[in-house]
PDB file of N, CA and C in Angstrom:
ATOM      1  N   MET A   1     -48.450 -37.684 -45.462  1.00  0.00           N
ATOM      2  CA  MET A   1     -47.857 -36.359 -45.384  1.00  0.00           C
ATOM      3  C   MET A   1     -47.684 -35.827 -46.811  1.00  0.00           C
ATOM      4  N   THR A   2     -48.052 -34.603 -47.026  1.00  0.00           N
ATOM      5  CA  THR A   2     -47.915 -34.005 -48.350  1.00  0.00           C
ATOM      6  C   THR A   2     -46.463 -33.654 -48.621  1.00  0.00           C
ATOM      7  N   LYS A   3     -46.163 -33.445 -49.905  1.00  0.00           N
ATOM      8  CA  LYS A   3     -44.802 -33.057 -50.272  1.00  0.00           C
ATOM      9  C   LYS A   3     -44.405 -31.754 -49.590  1.00  0.00           C
ATOM     10  N   HIS A   4     -45.347 -30.795 -49.540  1.00  0.00           N
ATOM     11  CA  HIS A   4     -45.062 -29.508 -48.907  1.00  0.00           C
ATOM     12  C   HIS A   4     -44.745 -29.686 -47.423  1.00  0.00           C
ATOM     13  N   ALA A   5     -45.558 -30.501 -46.734  1.00  0.00           N
ATOM     14  CA  ALA A   5     -45.326 -30.739 -45.301  1.00  0.00           C
ATOM     15  C   ALA A   5     -43.981 -31.418 -45.090  1.00  0.00           C
ATOM     16  N   SER A   6     -43.662 -32.378 -45.958  1.00  0.00           N
ATOM     17  CA  SER A   6     -42.383 -33.074 -45.862  1.00  0.00           C
ATOM     18  C   SER A   6     -41.224 -32.112 -46.099  1.00  0.00           C
ATOM     19  N   SER A   7     -41.358 -31.232 -47.088  1.00  0.00           N
ATOM     20  CA  SER A   7     -40.316 -30.244 -47.368  1.00  0.00           C
ATOM     21  C   SER A   7     -40.127 -29.308 -46.185  1.00  0.00           C
ATOM     22  N   CYS A   8     -41.228 -28.879 -45.583  1.00  0.00           N
ATOM     23  CA  CYS A   8     -41.155 -27.983 -44.432  1.00  0.00           C
ATOM     24  C   CYS A   8     -40.467 -28.668 -43.251  1.00  0.00           C
ATOM     25  N   GLU A   9     -40.819 -29.927 -43.024  1.00  0.00           N
ATOM     26  CA  GLU A   9     -40.215 -30.670 -41.925  1.00  0.00           C
ATOM     27  C   GLU A   9     -38.707 -30.827 -42.147  1.00  0.00           C
ATOM     28  N   THR A  10     -38.329 -31.197 -43.362  1.00  0.00           N
ATOM     29  CA  THR A  10     -36.914 -31.341 -43.703  1.00  0.00           C
ATOM     30  C   THR A  10     -36.193 -30.020 -43.510  1.00  0.00           C
ATOM     31  N   CYS A  11     -36.784 -28.959 -43.992  1.00  0.00           N
ATOM     32  CA  CYS A  11     -36.179 -27.637 -43.901  1.00  0.00           C
ATOM     33  C   CYS A  11     -35.956 -27.227 -42.443  1.00  0.00           C
ATOM     34  N   ARG A  12     -36.977 -27.422 -41.610  1.00  0.00           N
ATOM     35  CA  ARG A  12     -36.851 -27.082 -40.177  1.00  0.00           C
ATOM     36  C   ARG A  12     -35.756 -27.908 -39.517  1.00  0.00           C
ATOM     37  N   GLU A  13     -35.761 -29.212 -39.783  1.00  0.00           N
ATOM     38  CA  GLU A  13     -34.783 -30.107 -39.167  1.00  0.00           C
ATOM     39  C   GLU A  13     -33.353 -29.725 -39.544  1.00  0.00           C
ATOM     40  N   ILE A  14     -33.109 -29.554 -40.818  1.00  0.00           N
ATOM     41  CA  ILE A  14     -31.751 -29.270 -41.290  1.00  0.00           C
ATOM     42  C   ILE A  14     -31.302 -27.879 -40.859  1.00  0.00           C
ATOM     43  N   SER A  15     -32.156 -26.882 -40.973  1.00  0.00           N
ATOM     44  CA  SER A  15     -31.742 -25.531 -40.584  1.00  0.00           C
ATOM     45  C   SER A  15     -31.494 -25.444 -39.084  1.00  0.00           C
ATOM     46  N   THR A  16     -32.281 -26.158 -38.289  1.00  0.00           N
ATOM     47  CA  THR A  16     -32.045 -26.178 -36.839  1.00  0.00           C
ATOM     48  C   THR A  16     -30.716 -26.851 -36.530  1.00  0.00           C
ATOM     49  N   GLU A  17     -30.435 -27.949 -37.218  1.00  0.00           N
ATOM     50  CA  GLU A  17     -29.159 -28.636 -37.013  1.00  0.00           C
ATOM     51  C   GLU A  17     -27.981 -27.744 -37.404  1.00  0.00           C
ATOM     52  N   MET A  18     -28.140 -27.011 -38.503  1.00  0.00           N
ATOM     53  CA  MET A  18     -27.057 -26.109 -38.924  1.00  0.00           C
ATOM     54  C   MET A  18     -26.838 -25.012 -37.889  1.00  0.00           C
ATOM     55  N   MET A  19     -27.905 -24.531 -37.284  1.00  0.00           N
ATOM     56  CA  MET A  19     -27.768 -23.510 -36.239  1.00  0.00           C
ATOM     57  C   MET A  19     -27.020 -24.091 -35.038  1.00  0.00           C
ATOM     58  N   ASP A  20     -27.326 -25.331 -34.681  1.00  0.00           N
ATOM     59  CA  ASP A  20     -26.607 -25.991 -33.584  1.00  0.00           C
ATOM     60  C   ASP A  20     -25.126 -26.126 -33.918  1.00  0.00           C
ATOM     61  N   MET A  21     -24.839 -26.576 -35.131  1.00  0.00           N
ATOM     62  CA  MET A  21     -23.450 -26.745 -35.563  1.00  0.00           C
ATOM     63  C   MET A  21     -22.718 -25.409 -35.538  1.00  0.00           C
ATOM     64  N   ALA A  22     -23.377 -24.357 -35.979  1.00  0.00           N
ATOM     65  CA  ALA A  22     -22.762 -23.028 -35.963  1.00  0.00           C
ATOM     66  C   ALA A  22     -22.432 -22.615 -34.532  1.00  0.00           C
ATOM     67  N   GLY A  23     -23.316 -22.925 -33.602  1.00  0.00           N
ATOM     68  CA  GLY A  23     -23.062 -22.618 -32.197  1.00  0.00           C
ATOM     69  C   GLY A  23     -21.851 -23.363 -31.655  1.00  0.00           C
ATOM     70  N   TRP A  24     -21.691 -24.612 -32.079  1.00  0.00           N
ATOM     71  CA  TRP A  24     -20.538 -25.404 -31.623  1.00  0.00           C
ATOM     72  C   TRP A  24     -19.230 -24.869 -32.194  1.00  0.00           C
ATOM     73  N   LEU A  25     -19.274 -24.378 -33.426  1.00  0.00           N
ATOM     74  CA  LEU A  25     -18.056 -23.870 -34.064  1.00  0.00           C
ATOM     75  C   LEU A  25     -17.696 -22.454 -33.617  1.00  0.00           C
ATOM     76  N   ALA A  26     -18.670 -21.716 -33.143  1.00  0.00           N
ATOM     77  CA  ALA A  26     -18.470 -20.298 -32.808  1.00  0.00           C
ATOM     78  C   ALA A  26     -17.409 -20.110 -31.728  1.00  0.00           C
ATOM     79  N   GLY A  27     -16.693 -19.005 -31.858  1.00  0.00           N
ATOM     80  CA  GLY A  27     -15.706 -18.635 -30.852  1.00  0.00           C
ATOM     81  C   GLY A  27     -14.489 -19.532 -30.822  1.00  0.00           C
ATOM     82  N   ASP A  28     -14.294 -20.303 -31.858  1.00  0.00           N
ATOM     83  CA  ASP A  28     -13.196 -21.271 -31.898  1.00  0.00           C
ATOM     84  C   ASP A  28     -11.978 -20.698 -32.613  1.00  0.00           C
ATOM     85  N   ASP A  29     -11.847 -19.387 -32.553  1.00  0.00           N
ATOM     86  CA  ASP A  29     -10.733 -18.680 -33.186  1.00  0.00           C
ATOM     87  C   ASP A  29     -10.633 -18.917 -34.690  1.00  0.00           C
ATOM     88  N   LEU A  30     -11.756 -19.228 -35.308  1.00  0.00           N
ATOM     89  CA  LEU A  30     -11.778 -19.377 -36.757  1.00  0.00           C
ATOM     90  C   LEU A  30     -12.089 -18.018 -37.381  1.00  0.00           C
ATOM     91  N   SER A  31     -11.439 -17.714 -38.485  1.00  0.00           N
ATOM     92  CA  SER A  31     -11.806 -16.509 -39.216  1.00  0.00           C
ATOM     93  C   SER A  31     -13.215 -16.729 -39.772  1.00  0.00           C
ATOM     94  N   PRO A  32     -13.930 -15.664 -40.118  1.00  0.00           N
ATOM     95  CA  PRO A  32     -15.257 -15.861 -40.700  1.00  0.00           C
ATOM     96  C   PRO A  32     -15.237 -16.797 -41.913  1.00  0.00           C
ATOM     97  N   GLU A  33     -14.215 -16.675 -42.757  1.00  0.00           N
ATOM     98  CA  GLU A  33     -14.129 -17.530 -43.943  1.00  0.00           C
ATOM     99  C   GLU A  33     -13.877 -18.988 -43.558  1.00  0.00           C
ATOM    100  N   HIS A  34     -13.011 -19.245 -42.593  1.00  0.00           N
ATOM    101  CA  HIS A  34     -12.762 -20.617 -42.147  1.00  0.00           C
ATOM    102  C   HIS A  34     -13.994 -21.193 -41.446  1.00  0.00           C
ATOM    103  N   PHE A  35     -14.709 -20.361 -40.718  1.00  0.00           N
ATOM    104  CA  PHE A  35     -15.963 -20.770 -40.078  1.00  0.00           C
ATOM    105  C   PHE A  35     -16.954 -21.217 -41.160  1.00  0.00           C
ATOM    106  N   ARG A  36     -17.105 -20.398 -42.197  1.00  0.00           N
ATOM    107  CA  ARG A  36     -18.021 -20.702 -43.303  1.00  0.00           C
ATOM    108  C   ARG A  36     -17.653 -22.022 -43.964  1.00  0.00           C
ATOM    109  N   LEU A  37     -16.378 -22.202 -44.250  1.00  0.00           N
ATOM    110  CA  LEU A  37     -15.913 -23.430 -44.900  1.00  0.00           C
ATOM    111  C   LEU A  37     -16.106 -24.657 -44.013  1.00  0.00           C
ATOM    112  N   ALA A  38     -15.831 -24.521 -42.716  1.00  0.00           N
ATOM    113  CA  ALA A  38     -16.005 -25.646 -41.787  1.00  0.00           C
ATOM    114  C   ALA A  38     -17.470 -26.058 -41.714  1.00  0.00           C
ATOM    115  N   LEU A  39     -18.357 -25.091 -41.636  1.00  0.00           N
ATOM    116  CA  LEU A  39     -19.783 -25.385 -41.584  1.00  0.00           C
ATOM    117  C   LEU A  39     -20.234 -26.084 -42.871  1.00  0.00           C
ATOM    118  N   ALA A  40     -19.788 -25.599 -43.993  1.00  0.00           N
ATOM    119  CA  ALA A  40     -20.150 -26.207 -45.281  1.00  0.00           C
ATOM    120  C   ALA A  40     -19.638 -27.640 -45.381  1.00  0.00           C
ATOM    121  N   ARG A  41     -18.419 -27.869 -44.973  1.00  0.00           N
ATOM    122  CA  ARG A  41     -17.835 -29.220 -45.057  1.00  0.00           C
ATOM    123  C   ARG A  41     -18.548 -30.189 -44.129  1.00  0.00           C
ATOM    124  N   MET A  42     -18.857 -29.724 -42.931  1.00  0.00           N
ATOM    125  CA  MET A  42     -19.486 -30.605 -41.949  1.00  0.00           C
ATOM    126  C   MET A  42     -20.908 -30.993 -42.361  1.00  0.00           C
ATOM    127  N   GLU A  43     -21.602 -30.149 -43.043  1.00  0.00           N
ATOM    128  CA  GLU A  43     -22.998 -30.389 -43.397  1.00  0.00           C
ATOM    129  C   GLU A  43     -23.199 -30.921 -44.809  1.00  0.00           C
ATOM    130  N   HIS A  44     -22.169 -30.943 -45.627  1.00  0.00           N
ATOM    131  CA  HIS A  44     -22.287 -31.287 -47.043  1.00  0.00           C
ATOM    132  C   HIS A  44     -23.021 -32.604 -47.299  1.00  0.00           C
ATOM    133  N   ARG A  45     -22.590 -33.681 -46.696  1.00  0.00           N
ATOM    134  CA  ARG A  45     -23.188 -34.994 -46.971  1.00  0.00           C
ATOM    135  C   ARG A  45     -24.644 -35.057 -46.524  1.00  0.00           C
ATOM    136  N   LYS A  46     -24.932 -34.502 -45.365  1.00  0.00           N
ATOM    137  CA  LYS A  46     -26.310 -34.527 -44.884  1.00  0.00           C
ATOM    138  C   LYS A  46     -27.215 -33.723 -45.816  1.00  0.00           C
ATOM    139  N   LEU A  47     -26.742 -32.572 -46.263  1.00  0.00           N
ATOM    140  CA  LEU A  47     -27.535 -31.759 -47.179  1.00  0.00           C
ATOM    141  C   LEU A  47     -27.824 -32.529 -48.459  1.00  0.00           C
ATOM    142  N   GLN A  48     -26.830 -33.208 -48.994  1.00  0.00           N
ATOM    143  CA  GLN A  48     -27.023 -34.000 -50.212  1.00  0.00           C
ATOM    144  C   GLN A  48     -28.059 -35.092 -49.993  1.00  0.00           C
ATOM    145  N   ARG A  49     -27.987 -35.747 -48.855  1.00  0.00           N
ATOM    146  CA  ARG A  49     -28.901 -36.843 -48.556  1.00  0.00           C
ATOM    147  C   ARG A  49     -30.356 -36.362 -48.529  1.00  0.00           C
ATOM    148  N   PHE A  50     -30.566 -35.137 -48.076  1.00  0.00           N
ATOM    149  CA  PHE A  50     -31.913 -34.588 -47.994  1.00  0.00           C
ATOM    150  C   PHE A  50     -32.295 -33.776 -49.230  1.00  0.00           C
ATOM    151  N   GLY A  51     -31.429 -33.762 -50.243  1.00  0.00           N
ATOM    152  CA  GLY A  51     -31.753 -33.066 -51.483  1.00  0.00           C
ATOM    153  C   GLY A  51     -31.670 -31.551 -51.380  1.00  0.00           C
ATOM    154  N   LEU A  52     -30.771 -31.061 -50.524  1.00  0.00           N
ATOM    155  CA  LEU A  52     -30.587 -29.622 -50.355  1.00  0.00           C
ATOM    156  C   LEU A  52     -29.207 -29.208 -50.836  1.00  0.00           C
ATOM    157  N   GLU A  53     -29.099 -27.978 -51.251  1.00  0.00           N
ATOM    158  CA  GLU A  53     -27.790 -27.421 -51.572  1.00  0.00           C
ATOM    159  C   GLU A  53     -27.618 -26.133 -50.777  1.00  0.00           C
ATOM    160  N   MET A  54     -26.390 -25.876 -50.421  1.00  0.00           N
ATOM    161  CA  MET A  54     -26.064 -24.721 -49.593  1.00  0.00           C
ATOM    162  C   MET A  54     -25.166 -23.772 -50.360  1.00  0.00           C
ATOM    163  N   THR A  55     -25.484 -22.495 -50.288  1.00  0.00           N
ATOM    164  CA  THR A  55     -24.559 -21.467 -50.744  1.00  0.00           C
ATOM    165  C   THR A  55     -24.252 -20.619 -49.529  1.00  0.00           C
ATOM    166  N   SER A  56     -23.063 -20.042 -49.509  1.00  0.00           N
ATOM    167  CA  SER A  56     -22.687 -19.232 -48.353  1.00  0.00           C
ATOM    168  C   SER A  56     -21.690 -18.170 -48.763  1.00  0.00           C
ATOM    169  N   SER A  57     -21.637 -17.130 -47.962  1.00  0.00           N
ATOM    170  CA  SER A  57     -20.693 -16.043 -48.203  1.00  0.00           C
ATOM    171  C   SER A  57     -20.391 -15.375 -46.867  1.00  0.00           C
ATOM    172  N   THR A  58     -19.354 -14.565 -46.878  1.00  0.00           N
ATOM    173  CA  THR A  58     -18.957 -13.822 -45.690  1.00  0.00           C
ATOM    174  C   THR A  58     -19.049 -12.338 -46.005  1.00  0.00           C
ATOM    175  N   SER A  59     -19.711 -11.592 -45.128  1.00  0.00           N
ATOM    176  CA  SER A  59     -19.864 -10.152 -45.350  1.00  0.00           C
ATOM    177  C   SER A  59     -18.585  -9.418 -44.967  1.00  0.00           C
ATOM    178  N   GLU A  60     -18.515  -8.161 -45.322  1.00  0.00           N
ATOM    179  CA  GLU A  60     -17.352  -7.331 -44.983  1.00  0.00           C
ATOM    180  C   GLU A  60     -17.154  -7.204 -43.478  1.00  0.00           C
ATOM    181  N   VAL A  61     -18.243  -7.324 -42.702  1.00  0.00           N
ATOM    182  CA  VAL A  61     -18.136  -7.201 -41.242  1.00  0.00           C
ATOM    183  C   VAL A  61     -17.999  -8.566 -40.556  1.00  0.00           C
ATOM    184  N   GLY A  62     -17.822  -9.634 -41.358  1.00  0.00           N
ATOM    185  CA  GLY A  62     -17.531 -10.946 -40.792  1.00  0.00           C
ATOM    186  C   GLY A  62     -18.733 -11.808 -40.471  1.00  0.00           C
ATOM    187  N   ILE A  63     -19.924 -11.419 -40.900  1.00  0.00           N
ATOM    188  CA  ILE A  63     -21.105 -12.257 -40.692  1.00  0.00           C
ATOM    189  C   ILE A  63     -21.173 -13.276 -41.826  1.00  0.00           C
ATOM    190  N   VAL A  64     -21.476 -14.518 -41.485  1.00  0.00           N
ATOM    191  CA  VAL A  64     -21.584 -15.578 -42.480  1.00  0.00           C
ATOM    192  C   VAL A  64     -23.051 -15.731 -42.855  1.00  0.00           C
ATOM    193  N   HIS A  65     -23.344 -15.639 -44.144  1.00  0.00           N
ATOM    194  CA  HIS A  65     -24.704 -15.790 -44.654  1.00  0.00           C
ATOM    195  C   HIS A  65     -24.794 -17.138 -45.362  1.00  0.00           C
ATOM    196  N   VAL A  66     -25.783 -17.937 -44.971  1.00  0.00           N
ATOM    197  CA  VAL A  66     -25.986 -19.271 -45.531  1.00  0.00           C
ATOM    198  C   VAL A  66     -27.397 -19.343 -46.102  1.00  0.00           C
ATOM    199  N   THR A  67     -27.521 -19.901 -47.287  1.00  0.00           N
ATOM    200  CA  THR A  67     -28.832 -20.126 -47.890  1.00  0.00           C
ATOM    201  C   THR A  67     -28.961 -21.594 -48.254  1.00  0.00           C
ATOM    202  N   LEU A  68     -30.101 -22.182 -47.913  1.00  0.00           N
ATOM    203  CA  LEU A  68     -30.408 -23.562 -48.272  1.00  0.00           C
ATOM    204  C   LEU A  68     -31.544 -23.561 -49.280  1.00  0.00           C
ATOM    205  N   ARG A  69     -31.356 -24.332 -50.356  1.00  0.00           N
ATOM    206  CA  ARG A  69     -32.384 -24.483 -51.383  1.00  0.00           C
ATOM    207  C   ARG A  69     -32.483 -25.963 -51.750  1.00  0.00           C
ATOM    208  N   PHE A  70     -33.659 -26.355 -52.220  1.00  0.00           N
ATOM    209  CA  PHE A  70     -33.839 -27.734 -52.664  1.00  0.00           C
ATOM    210  C   PHE A  70     -33.202 -27.906 -54.034  1.00  0.00           C
ATOM    211  N   GLU A  71     -32.418 -28.981 -54.164  1.00  0.00           N
ATOM    212  CA  GLU A  71     -31.763 -29.277 -55.446  1.00  0.00           C
ATOM    213  C   GLU A  71     -32.820 -29.513 -56.512  1.00  0.00           C
ATOM    214  N   GLY A  72     -32.470 -29.197 -57.707  1.00  0.00           N
ATOM    215  CA  GLY A  72     -33.373 -29.434 -58.824  1.00  0.00           C
ATOM    216  C   GLY A  72     -34.363 -28.302 -59.027  1.00  0.00           C
ATOM    217  N   THR A  73     -35.141 -27.979 -57.994  1.00  0.00           N
ATOM    218  CA  THR A  73     -36.157 -26.939 -58.132  1.00  0.00           C
ATOM    219  C   THR A  73     -35.633 -25.565 -57.761  1.00  0.00           C
ATOM    220  N   GLY A  74     -34.606 -25.515 -56.898  1.00  0.00           N
ATOM    221  CA  GLY A  74     -34.098 -24.231 -56.419  1.00  0.00           C
ATOM    222  C   GLY A  74     -35.020 -23.576 -55.408  1.00  0.00           C
ATOM    223  N   GLU A  75     -36.054 -24.310 -54.970  1.00  0.00           N
ATOM    224  CA  GLU A  75     -37.015 -23.783 -54.004  1.00  0.00           C
ATOM    225  C   GLU A  75     -36.309 -23.401 -52.697  1.00  0.00           C
ATOM    226  N   PHE A  76     -36.602 -22.201 -52.212  1.00  0.00           N
ATOM    227  CA  PHE A  76     -36.006 -21.682 -50.988  1.00  0.00           C
ATOM    228  C   PHE A  76     -36.421 -22.530 -49.795  1.00  0.00           C
ATOM    229  N   CYS A  77     -35.453 -22.855 -48.948  1.00  0.00           N
ATOM    230  CA  CYS A  77     -35.689 -23.580 -47.700  1.00  0.00           C
ATOM    231  C   CYS A  77     -35.495 -22.628 -46.528  1.00  0.00           C
ATOM    232  N   ALA A  78     -34.275 -22.100 -46.398  1.00  0.00           N
ATOM    233  CA  ALA A  78     -33.969 -21.231 -45.262  1.00  0.00           C
ATOM    234  C   ALA A  78     -32.715 -20.420 -45.554  1.00  0.00           C
ATOM    235  N   SER A  79     -32.575 -19.314 -44.823  1.00  0.00           N
ATOM    236  CA  SER A  79     -31.328 -18.561 -44.852  1.00  0.00           C
ATOM    237  C   SER A  79     -30.984 -18.165 -43.429  1.00  0.00           C
ATOM    238  N   MET A  80     -29.698 -18.062 -43.164  1.00  0.00           N
ATOM    239  CA  MET A  80     -29.204 -17.751 -41.832  1.00  0.00           C
ATOM    240  C   MET A  80     -28.081 -16.738 -41.928  1.00  0.00           C
ATOM    241  N   ASP A  81     -28.059 -15.817 -41.001  1.00  0.00           N
ATOM    242  CA  ASP A  81     -26.941 -14.902 -40.822  1.00  0.00           C
ATOM    243  C   ASP A  81     -26.336 -15.245 -39.471  1.00  0.00           C
ATOM    244  N   ILE A  82     -25.063 -15.631 -39.478  1.00  0.00           N
ATOM    245  CA  ILE A  82     -24.426 -16.175 -38.283  1.00  0.00           C
ATOM    246  C   ILE A  82     -23.177 -15.373 -37.944  1.00  0.00           C
ATOM    247  N   ASP A  83     -23.055 -14.996 -36.671  1.00  0.00           N
ATOM    248  CA  ASP A  83     -21.837 -14.358 -36.174  1.00  0.00           C
ATOM    249  C   ASP A  83     -20.900 -15.476 -35.735  1.00  0.00           C
ATOM    250  N   PRO A  84     -19.775 -15.681 -36.419  1.00  0.00           N
ATOM    251  CA  PRO A  84     -18.892 -16.795 -36.094  1.00  0.00           C
ATOM    252  C   PRO A  84     -18.175 -16.656 -34.749  1.00  0.00           C
ATOM    253  N   VAL A  85     -18.190 -15.477 -34.178  1.00  0.00           N
ATOM    254  CA  VAL A  85     -17.542 -15.279 -32.881  1.00  0.00           C
ATOM    255  C   VAL A  85     -18.472 -15.691 -31.747  1.00  0.00           C
ATOM    256  N   THR A  86     -19.721 -15.239 -31.801  1.00  0.00           N
ATOM    257  CA  THR A  86     -20.664 -15.486 -30.707  1.00  0.00           C
ATOM    258  C   THR A  86     -21.613 -16.645 -30.969  1.00  0.00           C
ATOM    259  N   GLY A  87     -21.793 -16.994 -32.240  1.00  0.00           N
ATOM    260  CA  GLY A  87     -22.763 -18.025 -32.587  1.00  0.00           C
ATOM    261  C   GLY A  87     -24.182 -17.482 -32.712  1.00  0.00           C
ATOM    262  N   GLU A  88     -24.365 -16.193 -32.414  1.00  0.00           N
ATOM    263  CA  GLU A  88     -25.689 -15.601 -32.543  1.00  0.00           C
ATOM    264  C   GLU A  88     -26.093 -15.625 -34.006  1.00  0.00           C
ATOM    265  N   ALA A  89     -27.373 -15.910 -34.231  1.00  0.00           N
ATOM    266  CA  ALA A  89     -27.834 -16.043 -35.609  1.00  0.00           C
ATOM    267  C   ALA A  89     -29.292 -15.631 -35.739  1.00  0.00           C
ATOM    268  N   THR A  90     -29.617 -15.235 -36.950  1.00  0.00           N
ATOM    269  CA  THR A  90     -31.012 -15.024 -37.307  1.00  0.00           C
ATOM    270  C   THR A  90     -31.316 -16.005 -38.437  1.00  0.00           C
ATOM    271  N   ILE A  91     -32.531 -16.462 -38.449  1.00  0.00           N
ATOM    272  CA  ILE A  91     -32.921 -17.448 -39.460  1.00  0.00           C
ATOM    273  C   ILE A  91     -34.263 -17.052 -40.070  1.00  0.00           C
ATOM    274  N   GLN A  92     -34.356 -17.274 -41.349  1.00  0.00           N
ATOM    275  CA  GLN A  92     -35.600 -17.078 -42.077  1.00  0.00           C
ATOM    276  C   GLN A  92     -35.894 -18.404 -42.774  1.00  0.00           C
ATOM    277  N   ARG A  93     -37.088 -18.934 -42.536  1.00  0.00           N
ATOM    278  CA  ARG A  93     -37.478 -20.199 -43.164  1.00  0.00           C
ATOM    279  C   ARG A  93     -38.647 -19.974 -44.100  1.00  0.00           C
ATOM    280  N   ALA A  94     -38.715 -20.793 -45.130  1.00  0.00           N
ATOM    281  CA  ALA A  94     -39.837 -20.726 -46.069  1.00  0.00           C
ATOM    282  C   ALA A  94     -41.124 -21.146 -45.359  1.00  0.00           C
ATOM    283  N   CYS A  95     -41.026 -22.097 -44.451  1.00  0.00           N
ATOM    284  CA  CYS A  95     -42.170 -22.592 -43.687  1.00  0.00           C
ATOM    285  C   CYS A  95     -41.962 -22.242 -42.217  1.00  0.00           C
ATOM    286  N   HIS A  96     -43.046 -22.020 -41.532  1.00  0.00           N
ATOM    287  CA  HIS A  96     -42.934 -21.655 -40.112  1.00  0.00           C
ATOM    288  C   HIS A  96     -43.422 -22.754 -39.214  1.00  0.00           C
TER     289      HIS A  96
END
């Protein structure tokens, strides 16, 4: 498997897992900021193990934006916009 294929596989796996986790946390009466922090804390160790780093922010309308990049290179992996109330999300991945 090439490095690119491996990176794509890792990116798909981790971003899909984060979407699942976001769905589990959604609607749990968490504020958007607490939702963002809970998601970051729950995924921190796994992201480190796979060489990814996460940045996140909360918009004025309460949508949580998450970006995953590979440590060291800063190469884009995926970004997600998540509604912490419904769990609905959109995702953009570097690889399809």
